[in-house]
Amino acid sequence: MRRIIYHREIQIVFKSDADLKEQALEKARLEGITLKALLTMAMRAYVEDELEIFFGRKNEKRELSPPKRFESPIRPLKQKRNQEK
């Protein structure tokens, strides 16, 4: 049986600092990717818990145990999807 997967795209519009956007765009171009690809990868990594959000200095030592997280409604959906495979 052939499985059909539908892929939907939407447009996201948000305000950003113009200089920051230009710097990100230039760095992405130097690395051979588009700004859209960079933002999509960041969103995907965040949803899949592969991107850690940390506010602090770059070299600041962090405690080993992560802070308490809220329970995301996405996690149960992801687990259910993995069980169906």
N, C-alpha and C. Protein backbone atom coordinates (compact mmCIF):
# COMPACT_ATOMS: atom_id res chain seq x y z
N MET A 1 0.84 -1.18 0.00
CA MET A 1 0.00 0.00 0.00
C MET A 1 0.89 1.24 0.00
N ARG A 2 0.56 2.17 -0.83
CA ARG A 2 1.32 3.40 -0.97
C ARG A 2 0.81 4.45 0.01
N ARG A 3 1.72 5.07 0.70
CA ARG A 3 1.35 6.08 1.69
C ARG A 3 1.60 7.47 1.12
N ILE A 4 0.61 8.33 1.18
CA ILE A 4 0.74 9.69 0.68
C ILE A 4 0.92 10.63 1.87
N ILE A 5 1.95 11.44 1.80
CA ILE A 5 2.22 12.40 2.86
C ILE A 5 2.02 13.80 2.29
N TYR A 6 1.19 14.56 2.93
CA TYR A 6 0.92 15.92 2.50
C TYR A 6 1.83 16.88 3.26
N HIS A 7 2.39 17.82 2.55
CA HIS A 7 3.30 18.79 3.15
C HIS A 7 2.68 20.17 2.99
N ARG A 8 2.40 20.81 4.12
CA ARG A 8 1.81 22.15 4.08
C ARG A 8 2.85 23.18 4.48
N GLU A 9 2.82 24.30 3.83
CA GLU A 9 3.68 25.40 4.21
C GLU A 9 2.83 26.62 4.48
N ILE A 10 3.24 27.40 5.47
CA ILE A 10 2.57 28.66 5.75
C ILE A 10 3.63 29.75 5.77
N GLN A 11 3.19 30.96 5.64
CA GLN A 11 4.10 32.09 5.72
C GLN A 11 4.08 32.63 7.14
N ILE A 12 5.28 32.86 7.67
CA ILE A 12 5.42 33.42 9.01
C ILE A 12 5.97 34.83 8.87
N VAL A 13 5.32 35.77 9.50
CA VAL A 13 5.76 37.16 9.43
C VAL A 13 6.00 37.66 10.85
N PHE A 14 7.19 38.20 11.11
CA PHE A 14 7.47 38.78 12.41
C PHE A 14 8.46 39.92 12.24
N LYS A 15 8.48 40.80 13.20
CA LYS A 15 9.42 41.94 13.16
C LYS A 15 10.72 41.53 13.82
N SER A 16 11.82 42.02 13.26
CA SER A 16 13.14 41.72 13.78
C SER A 16 14.03 42.93 13.58
N ASP A 17 15.08 43.01 14.36
CA ASP A 17 16.06 44.07 14.20
C ASP A 17 16.70 43.93 12.81
N ALA A 18 16.73 45.02 12.05
CA ALA A 18 17.23 44.97 10.68
C ALA A 18 18.69 44.55 10.61
N ASP A 19 19.53 45.07 11.52
CA ASP A 19 20.94 44.70 11.51
C ASP A 19 21.14 43.22 11.83
N LEU A 20 20.39 42.72 12.80
CA LEU A 20 20.49 41.31 13.16
C LEU A 20 20.09 40.43 11.98
N LYS A 21 19.02 40.80 11.31
CA LYS A 21 18.55 40.03 10.14
C LYS A 21 19.62 40.01 9.05
N GLU A 22 20.23 41.16 8.77
CA GLU A 22 21.27 41.23 7.74
C GLU A 22 22.49 40.40 8.12
N GLN A 23 22.88 40.45 9.39
CA GLN A 23 24.03 39.66 9.85
C GLN A 23 23.74 38.16 9.72
N ALA A 24 22.53 37.75 10.11
CA ALA A 24 22.15 36.34 10.01
C ALA A 24 22.09 35.91 8.55
N LEU A 25 21.54 36.77 7.70
CA LEU A 25 21.45 36.48 6.27
C LEU A 25 22.83 36.31 5.66
N GLU A 26 23.74 37.21 5.99
CA GLU A 26 25.10 37.14 5.45
C GLU A 26 25.83 35.88 5.93
N LYS A 27 25.70 35.57 7.21
CA LYS A 27 26.36 34.37 7.74
C LYS A 27 25.78 33.11 7.11
N ALA A 28 24.47 33.07 6.94
CA ALA A 28 23.83 31.91 6.30
C ALA A 28 24.33 31.76 4.87
N ARG A 29 24.43 32.87 4.14
CA ARG A 29 24.93 32.82 2.75
C ARG A 29 26.35 32.27 2.70
N LEU A 30 27.18 32.72 3.65
CA LEU A 30 28.57 32.23 3.68
C LEU A 30 28.63 30.72 3.95
N GLU A 31 27.64 30.22 4.68
CA GLU A 31 27.58 28.78 4.98
C GLU A 31 26.80 28.01 3.92
N GLY A 32 26.30 28.71 2.91
CA GLY A 32 25.64 28.05 1.79
C GLY A 32 24.18 27.68 2.02
N ILE A 33 23.51 28.35 2.96
CA ILE A 33 22.10 28.07 3.18
C ILE A 33 21.31 29.38 3.14
N THR A 34 20.02 29.25 3.00
CA THR A 34 19.16 30.43 3.01
C THR A 34 18.74 30.74 4.44
N LEU A 35 18.28 31.95 4.64
CA LEU A 35 17.77 32.33 5.96
C LEU A 35 16.53 31.50 6.29
N LYS A 36 15.72 31.20 5.29
CA LYS A 36 14.53 30.36 5.51
C LYS A 36 14.96 28.98 6.01
N ALA A 37 15.99 28.40 5.40
CA ALA A 37 16.48 27.09 5.82
C ALA A 37 17.01 27.13 7.26
N LEU A 38 17.74 28.20 7.59
CA LEU A 38 18.27 28.35 8.94
C LEU A 38 17.15 28.42 9.97
N LEU A 39 16.14 29.24 9.72
CA LEU A 39 15.03 29.38 10.66
C LEU A 39 14.21 28.10 10.75
N THR A 40 14.03 27.41 9.64
CA THR A 40 13.30 26.13 9.65
C THR A 40 14.07 25.09 10.46
N MET A 41 15.39 25.02 10.27
CA MET A 41 16.20 24.07 11.03
C MET A 41 16.14 24.39 12.53
N ALA A 42 16.17 25.67 12.87
CA ALA A 42 16.11 26.06 14.28
C ALA A 42 14.76 25.68 14.88
N MET A 43 13.67 25.91 14.15
CA MET A 43 12.34 25.54 14.66
C MET A 43 12.22 24.04 14.83
N ARG A 44 12.72 23.28 13.85
CA ARG A 44 12.64 21.82 13.92
C ARG A 44 13.46 21.29 15.10
N ALA A 45 14.66 21.82 15.28
CA ALA A 45 15.51 21.40 16.39
C ALA A 45 14.86 21.73 17.73
N TYR A 46 14.21 22.87 17.82
CA TYR A 46 13.54 23.26 19.06
C TYR A 46 12.38 22.33 19.38
N VAL A 47 11.57 22.01 18.38
CA VAL A 47 10.42 21.12 18.57
C VAL A 47 10.88 19.72 18.95
N GLU A 48 11.98 19.27 18.39
CA GLU A 48 12.49 17.92 18.66
C GLU A 48 13.44 17.88 19.86
N ASP A 49 13.43 18.93 20.68
CA ASP A 49 14.27 19.02 21.88
C ASP A 49 15.75 18.85 21.58
N GLU A 50 16.19 19.32 20.43
CA GLU A 50 17.60 19.28 20.08
C GLU A 50 18.24 20.66 20.17
N LEU A 51 17.46 21.65 20.54
CA LEU A 51 17.95 23.01 20.70
C LEU A 51 17.64 23.45 22.11
N GLU A 52 18.67 23.80 22.84
CA GLU A 52 18.50 24.21 24.23
C GLU A 52 18.50 25.73 24.29
N ILE A 53 17.51 26.29 24.94
CA ILE A 53 17.44 27.73 25.13
C ILE A 53 18.07 28.05 26.47
N PHE A 54 19.11 28.86 26.45
CA PHE A 54 19.83 29.21 27.67
C PHE A 54 20.16 30.68 27.62
N PHE A 55 19.80 31.41 28.64
CA PHE A 55 20.13 32.81 28.73
C PHE A 55 21.25 32.98 29.74
N GLY A 56 22.41 33.36 29.27
CA GLY A 56 23.57 33.54 30.12
C GLY A 56 24.78 33.80 29.25
N ARG A 57 25.90 33.96 29.86
CA ARG A 57 27.12 34.20 29.09
C ARG A 57 27.58 32.91 28.41
N LYS A 58 28.24 33.05 27.29
CA LYS A 58 28.65 31.92 26.48
C LYS A 58 29.47 30.89 27.25
N ASN A 59 30.41 31.31 28.06
CA ASN A 59 31.28 30.39 28.78
C ASN A 59 30.85 30.15 30.21
N GLU A 60 29.67 30.62 30.56
CA GLU A 60 29.17 30.46 31.92
C GLU A 60 28.87 28.99 32.20
N LYS A 61 29.29 28.51 33.37
CA LYS A 61 29.02 27.12 33.73
C LYS A 61 27.57 26.99 34.14
N ARG A 62 26.95 25.92 33.69
CA ARG A 62 25.55 25.67 34.03
C ARG A 62 25.47 24.46 34.94
N GLU A 63 24.41 24.41 35.72
CA GLU A 63 24.22 23.25 36.57
C GLU A 63 23.89 22.04 35.70
N LEU A 64 24.24 20.86 36.16
CA LEU A 64 24.08 19.65 35.37
C LEU A 64 22.63 19.23 35.18
N SER A 65 21.81 19.42 36.18
CA SER A 65 20.42 19.02 36.02
C SER A 65 19.63 20.16 35.38
N PRO A 66 18.89 19.86 34.33
CA PRO A 66 18.14 20.92 33.64
C PRO A 66 17.01 21.43 34.51
N PRO A 67 16.61 22.68 34.30
CA PRO A 67 15.48 23.20 35.06
C PRO A 67 14.19 22.48 34.70
N LYS A 68 13.19 22.58 35.56
CA LYS A 68 11.91 21.95 35.27
C LYS A 68 11.32 22.54 34.01
N ARG A 69 10.77 21.69 33.17
CA ARG A 69 10.17 22.13 31.92
C ARG A 69 8.67 21.98 32.00
N PHE A 70 7.99 22.76 31.21
CA PHE A 70 6.56 22.56 31.09
C PHE A 70 6.33 21.37 30.18
N GLU A 71 5.21 20.72 30.31
CA GLU A 71 4.90 19.55 29.47
C GLU A 71 4.31 20.03 28.15
N SER A 72 5.04 19.82 27.10
CA SER A 72 4.62 20.26 25.77
C SER A 72 3.56 19.33 25.20
N PRO A 73 2.53 19.87 24.56
CA PRO A 73 1.54 19.01 23.92
C PRO A 73 2.11 18.29 22.71
N ILE A 74 3.24 18.75 22.20
CA ILE A 74 3.86 18.13 21.02
C ILE A 74 4.50 16.80 21.37
N ARG A 75 5.10 16.70 22.56
CA ARG A 75 5.80 15.48 22.96
C ARG A 75 4.89 14.25 22.91
N PRO A 76 3.66 14.28 23.50
CA PRO A 76 2.80 13.10 23.40
C PRO A 76 2.44 12.75 21.95
N LEU A 77 2.26 13.75 21.11
CA LEU A 77 1.96 13.49 19.70
C LEU A 77 3.14 12.82 19.01
N LYS A 78 4.34 13.27 19.33
CA LYS A 78 5.54 12.69 18.74
C LYS A 78 5.70 11.24 19.19
N GLN A 79 5.46 10.97 20.47
CA GLN A 79 5.57 9.60 20.98
C GLN A 79 4.53 8.71 20.32
N LYS A 80 3.30 9.21 20.16
CA LYS A 80 2.24 8.43 19.54
C LYS A 80 2.61 8.11 18.09
N ARG A 81 3.17 9.10 17.37
CA ARG A 81 3.57 8.91 15.99
C ARG A 81 4.67 7.84 15.89
N ASN A 82 5.63 7.86 16.83
CA ASN A 82 6.72 6.88 16.82
C ASN A 82 6.20 5.46 17.12
N GLN A 83 5.17 5.35 17.95
CA GLN A 83 4.60 4.05 18.27
C GLN A 83 3.86 3.45 17.07
N GLU A 84 3.31 4.31 16.21
CA GLU A 84 2.56 3.85 15.05
C GLU A 84 3.47 3.29 13.97
N LYS A 85 4.74 3.68 13.99
CA LYS A 85 5.69 3.24 12.94
C LYS A 85 6.08 1.79 13.10
